[in-house]
PDB file of N, CA and C in Angstrom:
ATOM      1  N   MET A   1      17.342  27.170-142.133  1.00  0.00           N
ATOM      2  CA  MET A   1      17.695  28.457-142.729  1.00  0.00           C
ATOM      3  C   MET A   1      16.520  29.425-142.570  1.00  0.00           C
ATOM      4  N   GLU A   2      16.807  30.644-142.131  1.00  0.00           N
ATOM      5  CA  GLU A   2      15.779  31.653-141.920  1.00  0.00           C
ATOM      6  C   GLU A   2      15.338  32.252-143.244  1.00  0.00           C
ATOM      7  N   SER A   3      14.029  32.337-143.438  1.00  0.00           N
ATOM      8  CA  SER A   3      13.484  32.925-144.652  1.00  0.00           C
ATOM      9  C   SER A   3      13.377  34.436-144.465  1.00  0.00           C
ATOM     10  N   LYS A   4      13.825  35.187-145.447  1.00  0.00           N
ATOM     11  CA  LYS A   4      13.765  36.644-145.382  1.00  0.00           C
ATOM     12  C   LYS A   4      12.619  37.137-146.253  1.00  0.00           C
ATOM     13  N   SER A   5      11.871  38.092-145.763  1.00  0.00           N
ATOM     14  CA  SER A   5      10.780  38.691-146.517  1.00  0.00           C
ATOM     15  C   SER A   5      11.305  39.867-147.320  1.00  0.00           C
ATOM     16  N   ILE A   6      10.748  40.031-148.495  1.00  0.00           N
ATOM     17  CA  ILE A   6      11.145  41.166-149.325  1.00  0.00           C
ATOM     18  C   ILE A   6      10.286  42.378-148.995  1.00  0.00           C
ATOM     19  N   VAL A   7      10.801  43.549-149.287  1.00  0.00           N
ATOM     20  CA  VAL A   7      10.037  44.790-149.146  1.00  0.00           C
ATOM     21  C   VAL A   7       9.218  44.945-150.428  1.00  0.00           C
ATOM     22  N   PRO A   8       7.893  44.851-150.354  1.00  0.00           N
ATOM     23  CA  PRO A   8       7.061  44.927-151.560  1.00  0.00           C
ATOM     24  C   PRO A   8       7.280  46.226-152.329  1.00  0.00           C
ATOM     25  N   GLY A   9       7.401  46.111-153.639  1.00  0.00           N
ATOM     26  CA  GLY A   9       7.521  47.273-154.506  1.00  0.00           C
ATOM     27  C   GLY A   9       8.899  47.911-154.562  1.00  0.00           C
ATOM     28  N   ILE A  10       9.864  47.358-153.819  1.00  0.00           N
ATOM     29  CA  ILE A  10      11.216  47.914-153.822  1.00  0.00           C
ATOM     30  C   ILE A  10      12.129  47.018-154.648  1.00  0.00           C
ATOM     31  N   PHE A  11      12.816  47.605-155.588  1.00  0.00           N
ATOM     32  CA  PHE A  11      13.778  46.889-156.423  1.00  0.00           C
ATOM     33  C   PHE A  11      15.157  47.463-156.156  1.00  0.00           C
ATOM     34  N   CYS A  12      16.150  46.607-156.049  1.00  0.00           N
ATOM     35  CA  CYS A  12      17.496  47.038-155.708  1.00  0.00           C
ATOM     36  C   CYS A  12      18.509  46.273-156.548  1.00  0.00           C
ATOM     37  N   SER A  13      19.408  46.974-157.187  1.00  0.00           N
ATOM     38  CA  SER A  13      20.440  46.328-158.003  1.00  0.00           C
ATOM     39  C   SER A  13      21.826  46.439-157.362  1.00  0.00           C
ATOM     40  N   VAL A  14      21.877  46.840-156.092  1.00  0.00           N
ATOM     41  CA  VAL A  14      23.153  47.020-155.393  1.00  0.00           C
ATOM     42  C   VAL A  14      23.599  45.684-154.814  1.00  0.00           C
ATOM     43  N   GLU A  15      24.385  44.955-155.569  1.00  0.00           N
ATOM     44  CA  GLU A  15      24.799  43.607-155.183  1.00  0.00           C
ATOM     45  C   GLU A  15      25.672  43.586-153.934  1.00  0.00           C
ATOM     46  N   GLN A  16      26.289  44.706-153.584  1.00  0.00           N
ATOM     47  CA  GLN A  16      27.167  44.782-152.420  1.00  0.00           C
ATOM     48  C   GLN A  16      26.396  44.991-151.111  1.00  0.00           C
ATOM     49  N   CYS A  17      25.066  45.089-151.156  1.00  0.00           N
ATOM     50  CA  CYS A  17      24.254  45.308-149.961  1.00  0.00           C
ATOM     51  C   CYS A  17      23.810  43.973-149.360  1.00  0.00           C
ATOM     52  N   THR A  18      23.867  43.879-148.045  1.00  0.00           N
ATOM     53  CA  THR A  18      23.438  42.685-147.320  1.00  0.00           C
ATOM     54  C   THR A  18      22.004  42.302-147.656  1.00  0.00           C
ATOM     55  N   TYR A  19      21.151  43.276-147.900  1.00  0.00           N
ATOM     56  CA  TYR A  19      19.729  43.034-148.111  1.00  0.00           C
ATOM     57  C   TYR A  19      19.346  42.743-149.564  1.00  0.00           C
ATOM     58  N   HIS A  20      20.286  42.759-150.473  1.00  0.00           N
ATOM     59  CA  HIS A  20      20.040  42.511-151.902  1.00  0.00           C
ATOM     60  C   HIS A  20      19.796  41.033-152.153  1.00  0.00           C
ATOM     61  N   THR A  21      18.842  40.716-153.027  1.00  0.00           N
ATOM     62  CA  THR A  21      18.625  39.334-153.448  1.00  0.00           C
ATOM     63  C   THR A  21      19.052  39.184-154.899  1.00  0.00           C
ATOM     64  N   THR A  22      19.232  37.943-155.322  1.00  0.00           N
ATOM     65  CA  THR A  22      19.685  37.697-156.696  1.00  0.00           C
ATOM     66  C   THR A  22      18.658  38.130-157.743  1.00  0.00           C
ATOM     67  N   ASP A  23      17.401  38.298-157.324  1.00  0.00           N
ATOM     68  CA  ASP A  23      16.392  38.789-158.274  1.00  0.00           C
ATOM     69  C   ASP A  23      16.085  40.275-158.057  1.00  0.00           C
ATOM     70  N   ASP A  24      17.097  41.010-157.536  1.00  0.00           N
ATOM     71  CA  ASP A  24      17.039  42.474-157.360  1.00  0.00           C
ATOM     72  C   ASP A  24      15.890  42.953-156.476  1.00  0.00           C
ATOM     73  N   LYS A  25      15.666  42.265-155.381  1.00  0.00           N
ATOM     74  CA  LYS A  25      14.690  42.675-154.376  1.00  0.00           C
ATOM     75  C   LYS A  25      15.448  43.090-153.113  1.00  0.00           C
ATOM     76  N   CYS A  26      14.733  43.611-152.123  1.00  0.00           N
ATOM     77  CA  CYS A  26      15.322  44.067-150.867  1.00  0.00           C
ATOM     78  C   CYS A  26      14.682  43.318-149.704  1.00  0.00           C
ATOM     79  N   THR A  27      15.515  42.775-148.802  1.00  0.00           N
ATOM     80  CA  THR A  27      15.004  42.024-147.652  1.00  0.00           C
ATOM     81  C   THR A  27      15.196  42.774-146.333  1.00  0.00           C
ATOM     82  N   ALA A  28      15.363  44.068-146.374  1.00  0.00           N
ATOM     83  CA  ALA A  28      15.627  44.847-145.164  1.00  0.00           C
ATOM     84  C   ALA A  28      14.423  44.928-144.229  1.00  0.00           C
ATOM     85  N   GLY A  29      13.243  44.622-144.699  1.00  0.00           N
ATOM     86  CA  GLY A  29      12.045  44.754-143.872  1.00  0.00           C
ATOM     87  C   GLY A  29      11.384  46.104-144.070  1.00  0.00           C
ATOM     88  N   SER A  30      12.198  47.146-144.098  1.00  0.00           N
ATOM     89  CA  SER A  30      11.750  48.503-144.433  1.00  0.00           C
ATOM     90  C   SER A  30      12.990  49.251-144.895  1.00  0.00           C
ATOM     91  N   ILE A  31      12.790  50.341-145.587  1.00  0.00           N
ATOM     92  CA  ILE A  31      13.932  51.132-146.046  1.00  0.00           C
ATOM     93  C   ILE A  31      13.756  52.586-145.652  1.00  0.00           C
ATOM     94  N   GLU A  32      14.876  53.283-145.588  1.00  0.00           N
ATOM     95  CA  GLU A  32      14.872  54.732-145.359  1.00  0.00           C
ATOM     96  C   GLU A  32      15.672  55.372-146.474  1.00  0.00           C
ATOM     97  N   VAL A  33      15.045  56.290-147.178  1.00  0.00           N
ATOM     98  CA  VAL A  33      15.721  57.004-148.247  1.00  0.00           C
ATOM     99  C   VAL A  33      16.068  58.387-147.721  1.00  0.00           C
ATOM    100  N   GLY A  34      17.336  58.724-147.785  1.00  0.00           N
ATOM    101  CA  GLY A  34      17.790  60.026-147.323  1.00  0.00           C
ATOM    102  C   GLY A  34      18.227  60.858-148.505  1.00  0.00           C
ATOM    103  N   SER A  35      18.356  62.114-148.279  1.00  0.00           N
ATOM    104  CA  SER A  35      18.814  62.991-149.359  1.00  0.00           C
ATOM    105  C   SER A  35      19.141  64.363-148.808  1.00  0.00           C
ATOM    106  N   GLN A  36      19.723  65.139-149.690  1.00  0.00           N
ATOM    107  CA  GLN A  36      19.868  66.551-149.399  1.00  0.00           C
ATOM    108  C   GLN A  36      18.499  67.170-149.633  1.00  0.00           C
ATOM    109  N   LYS A  37      18.162  68.186-148.907  1.00  0.00           N
ATOM    110  CA  LYS A  37      16.825  68.771-149.047  1.00  0.00           C
ATOM    111  C   LYS A  37      16.597  69.403-150.417  1.00  0.00           C
ATOM    112  N   SER A  38      17.654  69.658-151.126  1.00  0.00           N
ATOM    113  CA  SER A  38      17.498  70.315-152.430  1.00  0.00           C
ATOM    114  C   SER A  38      17.872  69.377-153.575  1.00  0.00           C
ATOM    115  N   CYS A  39      17.438  68.108-153.513  1.00  0.00           N
ATOM    116  CA  CYS A  39      17.807  67.193-154.599  1.00  0.00           C
ATOM    117  C   CYS A  39      17.101  67.556-155.895  1.00  0.00           C
ATOM    118  N   CYS A  40      17.847  67.337-156.960  1.00  0.00           N
ATOM    119  CA  CYS A  40      17.327  67.624-158.286  1.00  0.00           C
ATOM    120  C   CYS A  40      17.355  66.389-159.185  1.00  0.00           C
ATOM    121  N   SER A  41      17.992  65.311-158.712  1.00  0.00           N
ATOM    122  CA  SER A  41      18.052  64.087-159.510  1.00  0.00           C
ATOM    123  C   SER A  41      18.222  62.888-158.583  1.00  0.00           C
ATOM    124  N   SER A  42      18.058  61.697-159.132  1.00  0.00           N
ATOM    125  CA  SER A  42      18.200  60.486-158.325  1.00  0.00           C
ATOM    126  C   SER A  42      19.616  60.327-157.780  1.00  0.00           C
ATOM    127  N   CYS A  43      20.591  60.924-158.434  1.00  0.00           N
ATOM    128  CA  CYS A  43      21.976  60.867-157.949  1.00  0.00           C
ATOM    129  C   CYS A  43      22.138  61.606-156.616  1.00  0.00           C
ATOM    130  N   ASP A  44      21.214  62.499-156.301  1.00  0.00           N
ATOM    131  CA  ASP A  44      21.276  63.267-155.059  1.00  0.00           C
ATOM    132  C   ASP A  44      20.627  62.529-153.881  1.00  0.00           C
ATOM    133  N   THR A  45      20.035  61.372-154.132  1.00  0.00           N
ATOM    134  CA  THR A  45      19.377  60.610-153.072  1.00  0.00           C
ATOM    135  C   THR A  45      20.245  59.425-152.679  1.00  0.00           C
ATOM    136  N   GLU A  46      19.914  58.822-151.531  1.00  0.00           N
ATOM    137  CA  GLU A  46      20.692  57.680-151.079  1.00  0.00           C
ATOM    138  C   GLU A  46      19.827  56.760-150.232  1.00  0.00           C
ATOM    139  N   CYS A  47      20.188  55.489-150.189  1.00  0.00           N
ATOM    140  CA  CYS A  47      19.503  54.523-149.344  1.00  0.00           C
ATOM    141  C   CYS A  47      20.226  54.464-148.003  1.00  0.00           C
ATOM    142  N   VAL A  48      19.616  55.008-146.977  1.00  0.00           N
ATOM    143  CA  VAL A  48      20.211  55.036-145.659  1.00  0.00           C
ATOM    144  C   VAL A  48      20.268  53.625-145.065  1.00  0.00           C
ATOM    145  N   THR A  49      19.425  52.726-145.547  1.00  0.00           N
ATOM    146  CA  THR A  49      19.347  51.351-145.053  1.00  0.00           C
ATOM    147  C   THR A  49      20.515  50.499-145.539  1.00  0.00           C
ATOM    148  N   PHE A  50      21.238  50.929-146.556  1.00  0.00           N
ATOM    149  CA  PHE A  50      22.348  50.157-147.120  1.00  0.00           C
ATOM    150  C   PHE A  50      23.286  49.629-146.037  1.00  0.00           C
ATOM    151  N   LYS A  51      23.580  48.350-146.116  1.00  0.00           N
ATOM    152  CA  LYS A  51      24.538  47.721-145.196  1.00  0.00           C
ATOM    153  C   LYS A  51      25.453  46.852-146.052  1.00  0.00           C
ATOM    154  N   PRO A  52      26.757  47.140-146.073  1.00  0.00           N
ATOM    155  CA  PRO A  52      27.662  46.375-146.932  1.00  0.00           C
ATOM    156  C   PRO A  52      27.696  44.891-146.540  1.00  0.00           C
ATOM    157  N   CYS A  53      27.863  44.045-147.540  1.00  0.00           N
ATOM    158  CA  CYS A  53      28.024  42.610-147.292  1.00  0.00           C
ATOM    159  C   CYS A  53      29.305  42.388-146.511  1.00  0.00           C
ATOM    160  N   LYS A  54      29.305  41.358-145.709  1.00  0.00           N
ATOM    161  CA  LYS A  54      30.505  41.024-144.920  1.00  0.00           C
ATOM    162  C   LYS A  54      31.517  40.298-145.774  1.00  0.00           C
TER     163      LYS A  54
END
């Protein structure tokens, strides 16, 4: 079984993401956060790295 490395300092509670771990970490290797240029709250941002579970 291949061991996946977590992205240090990144916590993720999106259980539907391929990179989510049971202890709310991210194994994507790196992440990209996208947003509208005029965001005013966290709801205006998004994780571009998100990949739905199969």
